[in-house]
Amino acid sequence: MDIRKVVFDYYKGKSVQFLKGPNLFYMKGKTQLTLVFRCVIQISLPYEEMEILFDAESGKIIQSNNLVVGCSFSVYGEHNQKIKEMKTRELYVQRTGKIASPLNSVFVQGTGTVFKPDPLTSSGSQYGDTGFTDNNDQDSPQLTAQLFEVTLDSISYDNVTGYYSLVGPYCSITSIEPPYYPGDSLAYARDTSDFSTTRSDSTFEAVMAYYHITKSQKWIQSLGFYSIQNASMQVDPHALNDTNNAHYLSASNRIVYGYANDAVDISEDTTAIIHEYGHALQNYTGNYPFEDLNSWSLSEGFADYWAGSYARSYFDTDSVNRWAGRESITTRFKRTIIDDTLTYLATLPYYKSNGSSYGKEETVYRVYYNGTIWACTLTQIAEILGRSSTDKIVLESILQVPETVELNAIALLSAVNTIYHGSPDSI
């Protein structure tokens, strides 16, 4: 049986690339094992990564799972039709025509400018205050005043062409989805190691993603975890064809951030960047079945907690996604709303009164509300134990690959035993 032909026929008219398989597996059912072919494919466009299971005897598709972990950072359903025009800075690679080779590159230190964690939090402002709106990606004196100068750790220097790019041991800036930049990571290359700019320049979002993902990974390693997503992850800071969303591509282990025309670019918000990285951290420890409501809720809750924990290393904040979400309904994770969240969830049974399950939109809302409860719970623990101890316990717990919030709660207690030898008092 030619499984590849079955796939190509099923997705006729679309570009299909095989990422894994097809391989033979036994799938456990309620009463028996079924021999299946499993493959993971990439489809474009729209861009998707799918896990497909085929009955090994009949060749029929018996299950398909979308492996893209999508996140909404603006009002649900918002989508713009126009593809945003690229910002005006002329790309170095276009000017010079030079082609870099990673074989010629070494890691060096660079500099850049970033928000920490976002201009609203660092200034104590609200979205809509004077100077604190997106305004089609324009600069303002108020936004520029919230930029911080930082060191970009271990960027690449090509000793043949003589220019620098945002490619390092933990993050590689590139183009994955439309709109594409010519030359991928080379599009952000410069003949200087100084990547400082303001938010009106396209390079700004690339620097934001590179700096904060690198810093998050170095924090993880400082806690004693050296095998959780410790390779260079491909990240696209300008993607999704003018959509104010982001997603983690779990099959190929990549992240893309939306680049919206009439909203804040997702990768201008540190917590949005680290939220997606949180999905990558969790998936790296074991392939979570994100299609399941409970495990999806767990994933969103962990990602919100990890983003909030990171943000509070700069400022004490109750929220994530303030800047990217423009303080809309998707500005999640307020520690003070946990009681309101529980009250709201009580009105949403898992099944409607007629026995049918929720539709996609209702499920998405429920996932984020469920996730908020878990993120709030972990944050309340951190307020007692401190960031370092709580992050360490949380990371140890996800290494046990719990698939539900209930199991993760048990895993937290197990993690305390593993790290502190059964004595929470020693934390």
Protein backbone atom coordinates (compact mmCIF):
# COMPACT_ATOMS: atom_id res chain seq x y z
CA MET A 1 0.00 0.00 0.00
CA ASP A 2 1.41 3.38 -1.02
CA ILE A 3 0.50 5.57 1.94
CA ARG A 4 2.24 8.57 0.41
CA LYS A 5 -0.03 8.36 -2.63
CA VAL A 6 -3.07 8.17 -0.36
CA VAL A 7 -1.94 11.36 1.39
CA PHE A 8 -1.21 13.23 -1.85
CA ASP A 9 -4.59 12.20 -3.27
CA TYR A 10 -6.40 13.24 -0.07
CA TYR A 11 -4.76 16.68 -0.07
CA LYS A 12 -4.89 17.12 -3.81
CA GLY A 13 -4.17 20.70 -4.84
CA LYS A 14 -2.12 21.48 -1.72
CA SER A 15 1.62 21.40 -1.18
CA VAL A 16 2.44 18.41 1.08
CA GLN A 17 5.76 17.62 2.72
CA PHE A 18 6.39 14.51 4.85
CA LEU A 19 8.08 15.35 8.16
CA LYS A 20 7.90 11.88 9.75
CA GLY A 21 6.93 8.43 8.52
CA PRO A 22 4.90 6.69 7.37
CA ASN A 23 5.70 4.12 10.08
CA LEU A 24 3.79 1.14 11.45
CA PHE A 25 2.37 1.30 14.97
CA TYR A 26 -0.22 -0.44 17.07
CA MET A 27 -2.94 1.93 18.27
CA LYS A 28 -4.69 0.98 21.49
CA GLY A 29 -8.47 0.95 21.28
CA LYS A 30 -11.12 0.23 23.89
CA THR A 31 -11.04 -3.53 23.30
CA GLN A 32 -8.20 -4.27 20.88
CA LEU A 33 -5.02 -3.10 19.18
CA THR A 34 -5.21 -1.80 15.62
CA LEU A 35 -2.26 -1.84 13.23
CA VAL A 36 -1.91 1.65 11.76
CA PHE A 37 0.40 3.70 9.58
CA ARG A 38 1.38 7.02 11.18
CA CYS A 39 2.86 9.99 9.38
CA VAL A 40 3.33 13.67 10.15
CA ILE A 41 2.97 16.06 7.24
CA GLN A 42 3.26 19.76 6.57
CA ILE A 43 0.58 21.40 4.42
CA SER A 44 0.54 24.88 2.93
CA LEU A 45 -1.37 27.06 2.48
CA PRO A 46 -2.93 27.61 5.02
CA TYR A 47 0.07 26.35 6.96
CA GLU A 48 -0.65 23.24 9.03
CA GLU A 49 1.21 20.31 10.53
CA MET A 50 -0.95 17.19 10.70
CA GLU A 51 -0.57 13.77 12.30
CA ILE A 52 -2.42 11.21 10.14
CA LEU A 53 -3.26 7.62 11.18
CA PHE A 54 -4.30 5.08 8.53
CA ASP A 55 -5.78 1.64 8.97
CA ALA A 56 -2.95 -0.64 7.81
CA GLU A 57 -5.37 -3.02 6.09
CA SER A 58 -7.85 -0.72 4.36
CA GLY A 59 -5.69 2.38 4.00
CA LYS A 60 -8.53 4.56 5.26
CA ILE A 61 -7.74 7.57 7.41
CA ILE A 62 -8.99 6.77 10.90
CA GLN A 63 -7.66 9.82 12.75
CA SER A 64 -6.04 13.16 12.01
CA ASN A 65 -4.69 15.65 14.53
CA ASN A 66 -3.60 19.21 13.91
CA LEU A 67 -0.22 19.59 15.67
CA VAL A 68 -0.19 23.38 15.46
CA VAL A 69 -0.71 24.93 18.91
CA GLY A 70 -2.48 28.15 18.00
CA CYS A 71 -2.94 31.15 20.29
CA SER A 72 -5.14 34.23 19.92
CA PHE A 73 -3.68 37.53 21.09
CA SER A 74 -6.46 39.85 20.02
CA VAL A 75 -10.26 39.85 20.13
CA TYR A 76 -11.37 36.36 19.07
CA GLY A 77 -11.97 36.01 15.36
CA GLU A 78 -10.16 39.19 14.38
CA HIS A 79 -8.44 38.70 11.03
CA ASN A 80 -7.27 41.23 8.49
CA GLN A 81 -7.35 40.48 4.78
CA LYS A 82 -4.56 42.72 3.55
CA ILE A 83 -0.99 41.52 3.83
CA LYS A 84 1.01 44.12 5.67
CA GLU A 85 3.60 45.96 3.64
CA MET A 86 7.14 45.40 4.78
CA LYS A 87 8.70 48.17 6.80
CA THR A 88 11.03 50.48 4.99
CA ARG A 89 14.53 49.59 6.19
CA GLU A 90 16.48 48.29 3.20
CA LEU A 91 17.72 44.77 3.84
CA TYR A 92 21.43 44.34 4.05
CA VAL A 93 21.43 41.13 2.09
CA GLN A 94 19.63 42.84 -0.79
CA ARG A 95 22.06 45.74 -0.85
CA THR A 96 25.20 43.62 -0.89
CA GLY A 97 24.13 40.46 -2.68
CA LYS A 98 26.41 38.53 -0.31
CA ILE A 99 25.49 35.02 0.78
CA ALA A 100 26.52 33.85 4.21
CA SER A 101 27.51 30.34 5.19
CA PRO A 102 27.06 28.95 8.71
CA LEU A 103 30.40 27.18 8.24
CA ASN A 104 32.07 30.61 8.32
CA SER A 105 30.22 31.86 11.41
CA VAL A 106 31.29 32.27 15.02
CA PHE A 107 29.28 33.42 18.03
CA VAL A 108 29.91 36.94 19.32
CA GLN A 109 28.14 39.42 21.59
CA GLY A 110 25.85 42.04 20.10
CA THR A 111 23.63 44.85 21.34
CA GLY A 112 20.02 45.79 20.75
CA THR A 113 16.93 47.50 22.16
CA VAL A 114 13.85 45.76 23.57
CA PHE A 115 10.74 46.26 25.68
CA LYS A 116 10.87 44.76 29.21
CA PRO A 117 8.30 43.24 29.29
CA ASP A 118 6.07 45.67 27.38
CA PRO A 119 5.69 49.48 27.23
CA LEU A 120 2.44 49.53 29.21
CA THR A 121 3.78 47.57 32.16
CA SER A 122 7.15 49.34 32.34
CA SER A 123 5.54 52.81 32.16
CA GLY A 124 2.46 52.12 34.30
CA SER A 125 0.25 53.20 31.39
CA GLN A 126 -2.95 51.89 29.81
CA TYR A 127 -3.47 51.11 26.15
CA GLY A 128 -4.95 54.22 24.56
CA ASP A 129 -3.05 56.69 26.73
CA THR A 130 -1.23 59.39 24.78
CA GLY A 131 1.49 57.73 22.72
CA PHE A 132 0.55 54.21 23.81
CA THR A 133 -1.29 52.84 20.78
CA ASP A 134 -0.06 50.82 17.82
CA ASN A 135 -0.79 53.60 15.29
CA ASN A 136 0.20 51.34 12.38
CA ASP A 137 3.61 50.54 13.90
CA GLN A 138 4.67 54.16 14.21
CA ASP A 139 7.08 55.38 16.86
CA SER A 140 6.07 57.79 19.59
CA PRO A 141 8.19 59.57 22.21
CA GLN A 142 6.35 57.63 24.91
CA LEU A 143 7.05 54.22 23.35
CA THR A 144 10.67 55.05 22.53
CA ALA A 145 11.20 56.05 26.17
CA GLN A 146 10.34 52.46 27.18
CA LEU A 147 13.18 50.88 25.19
CA PHE A 148 15.98 49.18 27.12
CA GLU A 149 19.51 48.63 25.81
CA VAL A 150 20.54 44.97 26.12
CA THR A 151 23.35 42.59 25.23
CA LEU A 152 22.44 40.04 22.55
CA ASP A 153 24.20 36.89 23.65
CA SER A 154 25.96 34.70 21.05
CA ILE A 155 24.73 36.14 17.76
CA SER A 156 26.44 34.92 14.56
CA TYR A 157 29.29 36.70 12.82
CA ASP A 158 30.28 35.56 9.34
CA ASN A 159 34.01 36.14 8.97
CA VAL A 160 33.82 35.93 5.17
CA THR A 161 31.04 38.40 4.43
CA GLY A 162 31.70 40.45 7.56
CA TYR A 163 28.17 40.80 8.83
CA TYR A 164 26.11 39.70 11.82
CA SER A 165 22.80 37.81 12.05
CA LEU A 166 20.34 36.86 14.78
CA VAL A 167 21.26 33.19 14.83
CA GLY A 168 22.47 31.74 18.09
CA PRO A 169 22.63 28.54 20.15
CA TYR A 170 19.02 28.82 21.39
CA CYS A 171 17.20 30.93 18.79
CA SER A 172 17.50 31.38 15.02
CA ILE A 173 15.47 34.17 13.44
CA THR A 174 14.19 33.11 10.04
CA SER A 175 11.15 33.18 7.72
CA ILE A 176 8.76 30.24 8.02
CA GLU A 177 5.36 31.49 6.89
CA PRO A 178 4.17 34.36 4.65
CA PRO A 179 4.94 37.19 4.35
CA TYR A 180 8.43 35.94 3.56
CA TYR A 181 11.61 37.94 3.96
CA PRO A 182 14.22 37.39 1.24
CA GLY A 183 17.17 35.50 2.57
CA ASP A 184 15.43 34.23 5.71
CA SER A 185 17.64 35.05 8.71
CA LEU A 186 19.96 37.04 6.46
CA ALA A 187 17.19 39.58 6.02
CA TYR A 188 18.02 40.90 9.47
CA ALA A 189 21.77 40.82 8.92
CA ARG A 190 23.87 43.91 9.49
CA ASP A 191 27.47 44.95 9.05
CA THR A 192 27.53 45.88 12.73
CA SER A 193 26.79 43.91 15.88
CA ASP A 194 24.54 46.74 17.08
CA PHE A 195 20.90 45.85 16.31
CA SER A 196 19.49 48.80 18.26
CA THR A 197 16.42 50.32 16.68
CA THR A 198 12.93 51.58 17.50
CA ARG A 199 9.71 49.60 17.14
CA SER A 200 8.90 51.08 13.70
CA ASP A 201 11.78 49.06 12.22
CA SER A 202 11.08 45.41 11.33
CA THR A 203 14.30 44.36 13.00
CA PHE A 204 12.84 45.34 16.39
CA GLU A 205 10.50 42.33 16.61
CA ALA A 206 13.32 40.01 15.52
CA VAL A 207 15.56 41.37 18.29
CA MET A 208 12.72 41.02 20.82
CA ALA A 209 12.20 37.35 19.98
CA TYR A 210 15.92 36.55 19.91
CA TYR A 211 16.76 38.30 23.18
CA HIS A 212 13.86 37.05 25.31
CA ILE A 213 13.89 33.43 24.10
CA THR A 214 17.64 33.26 24.65
CA LYS A 215 17.31 34.75 28.13
CA SER A 216 14.48 32.36 29.05
CA GLN A 217 16.57 29.36 28.00
CA LYS A 218 19.59 30.59 29.97
CA TRP A 219 17.35 30.99 33.02
CA ILE A 220 16.18 27.39 32.62
CA GLN A 221 19.77 26.19 32.50
CA SER A 222 20.67 28.27 35.56
CA LEU A 223 18.03 26.24 37.43
CA GLY A 224 19.86 23.03 36.51
CA PHE A 225 17.84 21.90 33.46
CA TYR A 226 20.08 21.43 30.44
CA SER A 227 17.92 19.25 28.19
CA ILE A 228 14.66 21.20 27.85
CA GLN A 229 14.60 22.85 24.42
CA ASN A 230 18.34 23.55 24.57
CA ALA A 231 18.89 23.66 20.80
CA SER A 232 18.57 26.58 18.41
CA MET A 233 14.86 26.99 17.69
CA GLN A 234 13.71 28.55 14.41
CA VAL A 235 11.50 31.58 15.04
CA ASP A 236 9.61 33.76 12.56
CA PRO A 237 8.76 37.20 14.04
CA HIS A 238 6.71 38.34 11.01
CA ALA A 239 4.28 35.68 9.82
CA LEU A 240 0.66 34.53 9.54
CA ASN A 241 -0.24 36.82 6.64
CA ASP A 242 -1.34 39.81 8.69
CA THR A 243 -3.09 37.91 11.48
CA ASN A 244 -2.87 38.99 15.11
CA ASN A 245 -2.12 35.47 16.39
CA ALA A 246 0.83 33.19 16.96
CA HIS A 247 1.41 29.46 17.06
CA TYR A 248 3.90 26.78 17.95
CA LEU A 249 4.54 24.15 15.26
CA SER A 250 4.99 21.06 17.42
CA ALA A 251 5.99 18.61 14.67
CA SER A 252 8.89 20.70 13.36
CA ASN A 253 9.52 22.51 16.68
CA ARG A 254 9.26 26.07 15.37
CA ILE A 255 7.44 29.25 16.44
CA VAL A 256 5.75 31.92 14.31
CA TYR A 257 4.40 35.26 15.50
CA GLY A 258 1.74 37.29 13.70
CA TYR A 259 2.52 40.57 12.01
CA ALA A 260 -0.73 42.55 11.97
CA ASN A 261 -1.65 45.62 9.96
CA ASP A 262 -3.95 47.38 12.42
CA ALA A 263 -2.80 45.81 15.69
CA VAL A 264 0.37 45.43 17.74
CA ASP A 265 2.83 42.96 16.25
CA ILE A 266 2.80 39.90 18.51
CA SER A 267 6.55 39.76 19.01
CA GLU A 268 6.58 43.30 20.43
CA ASP A 269 5.14 41.79 23.63
CA THR A 270 7.59 39.81 25.77
CA THR A 271 4.85 37.74 27.40
CA ALA A 272 3.42 36.73 24.02
CA ILE A 273 6.91 35.65 22.92
CA ILE A 274 7.51 33.59 26.06
CA HIS A 275 3.96 32.14 26.04
CA GLU A 276 4.69 30.41 22.72
CA TYR A 277 8.11 29.38 24.00
CA GLY A 278 6.28 27.83 26.95
CA HIS A 279 4.40 25.56 24.54
CA ALA A 280 7.75 24.57 23.05
CA LEU A 281 9.20 23.78 26.48
CA GLN A 282 6.26 21.59 27.42
CA ASN A 283 6.09 19.76 24.12
CA TYR A 284 9.85 19.13 24.17
CA THR A 285 9.44 16.98 27.28
CA GLY A 286 6.83 14.74 25.63
CA ASN A 287 4.39 15.05 22.72
CA TYR A 288 1.27 16.38 24.42
CA PRO A 289 -2.11 15.49 22.83
CA PHE A 290 -3.09 19.13 22.42
CA GLU A 291 -6.40 18.22 20.73
CA ASP A 292 -7.71 17.05 24.12
CA LEU A 293 -9.51 19.78 26.08
CA ASN A 294 -7.83 18.97 29.39
CA SER A 295 -4.28 18.73 28.08
CA TRP A 296 -4.79 21.81 25.91
CA SER A 297 -5.95 23.74 28.98
CA LEU A 298 -2.89 22.52 30.86
CA SER A 299 -0.65 23.68 28.03
CA GLU A 300 -2.20 27.16 27.94
CA GLY A 301 -2.03 27.47 31.71
CA PHE A 302 1.63 26.49 31.85
CA ALA A 303 2.48 28.85 28.96
CA ASP A 304 0.71 31.74 30.70
CA TYR A 305 2.45 30.98 33.97
CA TRP A 306 5.88 30.76 32.32
CA ALA A 307 5.30 34.05 30.48
CA GLY A 308 4.09 35.76 33.65
CA SER A 309 6.98 34.41 35.72
CA TYR A 310 9.43 35.75 33.16
CA ALA A 311 7.69 39.15 33.02
CA ARG A 312 7.82 39.49 36.78
CA SER A 313 11.58 39.24 36.65
CA TYR A 314 11.31 42.83 35.36
CA PHE A 315 8.15 44.26 36.97
CA ASP A 316 5.49 42.92 39.32
CA THR A 317 2.52 42.41 37.01
CA ASP A 318 -0.77 40.57 37.24
CA SER A 319 -1.21 40.07 33.51
CA VAL A 320 0.21 38.68 30.31
CA ASN A 321 -0.52 39.88 26.80
CA ARG A 322 -1.26 43.49 27.76
CA TRP A 323 0.46 45.12 24.79
CA ALA A 324 -0.20 42.52 22.08
CA GLY A 325 -3.78 42.10 23.28
CA ARG A 326 -4.29 45.86 23.66
CA GLU A 327 -5.81 45.10 27.07
CA SER A 328 -8.74 43.33 25.42
CA ILE A 329 -10.54 40.16 26.49
CA THR A 330 -7.39 38.15 25.72
CA THR A 331 -5.28 39.98 28.30
CA ARG A 332 -5.20 36.95 30.55
CA PHE A 333 -3.80 35.71 33.80
CA LYS A 334 -4.86 38.34 36.30
CA ARG A 335 -4.24 36.85 39.72
CA THR A 336 -7.22 38.72 41.12
CA ILE A 337 -9.80 37.16 38.79
CA ILE A 338 -9.43 33.53 39.79
CA ASP A 339 -12.70 33.57 41.80
CA ASP A 340 -14.56 35.21 38.91
CA THR A 341 -13.08 32.63 36.56
CA LEU A 342 -14.29 29.75 38.72
CA THR A 343 -17.77 31.29 38.84
CA TYR A 344 -17.81 31.63 35.07
CA LEU A 345 -16.64 28.05 34.53
CA ALA A 346 -19.46 26.80 36.71
CA THR A 347 -21.86 27.99 34.01
CA LEU A 348 -20.05 25.99 31.32
CA PRO A 349 -20.55 22.23 31.67
CA TYR A 350 -18.40 20.02 29.47
CA TYR A 351 -21.49 19.14 27.47
CA LYS A 352 -24.56 21.15 26.60
CA SER A 353 -27.94 20.20 28.01
CA ASN A 354 -28.82 18.34 24.80
CA GLY A 355 -25.73 16.13 25.17
CA SER A 356 -23.75 17.64 22.30
CA SER A 357 -20.20 18.85 22.83
CA TYR A 358 -19.09 22.44 22.50
CA GLY A 359 -18.13 23.88 19.14
CA LYS A 360 -14.66 25.15 18.30
CA GLU A 361 -15.17 28.76 19.46
CA GLU A 362 -16.70 27.77 22.80
CA THR A 363 -13.95 25.21 23.34
CA VAL A 364 -11.25 27.83 22.69
CA TYR A 365 -12.76 30.16 25.30
CA ARG A 366 -13.06 27.32 27.80
CA VAL A 367 -9.43 26.28 27.23
CA TYR A 368 -8.15 29.77 28.08
CA TYR A 369 -10.38 30.08 31.15
CA ASN A 370 -9.26 26.64 32.36
CA GLY A 371 -5.67 27.64 31.68
CA THR A 372 -6.11 30.85 33.64
CA ILE A 373 -7.02 28.83 36.75
CA TRP A 374 -3.85 26.75 36.48
CA ALA A 375 -1.66 29.80 35.76
CA CYS A 376 -3.17 31.65 38.73
CA THR A 377 -2.60 28.63 40.98
CA LEU A 378 1.07 28.35 40.03
CA THR A 379 1.54 32.08 40.48
CA GLN A 380 0.05 31.99 43.95
CA ILE A 381 2.53 29.23 44.79
CA ALA A 382 5.34 31.43 43.43
CA GLU A 383 4.22 34.30 45.68
CA ILE A 384 4.90 32.01 48.65
CA LEU A 385 7.98 30.08 47.50
CA GLY A 386 9.55 32.65 45.18
CA ARG A 387 10.18 32.56 41.43
CA SER A 388 13.32 30.42 41.41
CA SER A 389 11.98 27.57 43.56
CA THR A 390 8.58 27.53 41.84
CA ASP A 391 10.01 27.59 38.33
CA LYS A 392 12.31 24.72 39.28
CA ILE A 393 9.42 22.66 40.68
CA VAL A 394 7.20 23.41 37.68
CA LEU A 395 9.91 22.42 35.19
CA GLU A 396 10.62 19.21 37.08
CA SER A 397 6.88 18.42 37.06
CA ILE A 398 6.50 18.73 33.28
CA LEU A 399 9.41 16.30 32.81
CA GLN A 400 6.99 13.68 34.17
CA VAL A 401 4.74 14.40 31.13
CA PRO A 402 1.40 14.83 32.93
CA GLU A 403 -1.49 15.08 30.47
CA THR A 404 -4.07 16.71 32.74
CA VAL A 405 -4.11 19.46 35.35
CA GLU A 406 -4.94 16.88 38.01
CA LEU A 407 -1.92 14.76 37.10
CA ASN A 408 0.27 17.86 36.95
CA ALA A 409 -0.77 18.75 40.50
CA ILE A 410 0.41 15.32 41.62
CA ALA A 411 3.58 15.80 39.56
CA LEU A 412 4.27 19.05 41.44
CA LEU A 413 4.30 17.18 44.75
CA SER A 414 6.54 14.55 43.21
CA ALA A 415 8.85 17.29 41.97
CA VAL A 416 9.16 18.70 45.48
CA ASN A 417 10.17 15.24 46.67
CA THR A 418 12.71 14.88 43.85
CA ILE A 419 14.33 18.29 44.28
CA TYR A 420 14.00 18.83 48.02
CA HIS A 421 13.98 15.20 49.17
CA GLY A 422 10.42 15.30 50.47
CA SER A 423 10.86 18.36 52.67
CA PRO A 424 9.00 21.43 51.37
CA ASP A 425 10.20 23.30 54.45
CA SER A 426 13.70 23.29 52.95
CA ILE A 427 12.59 25.29 49.93
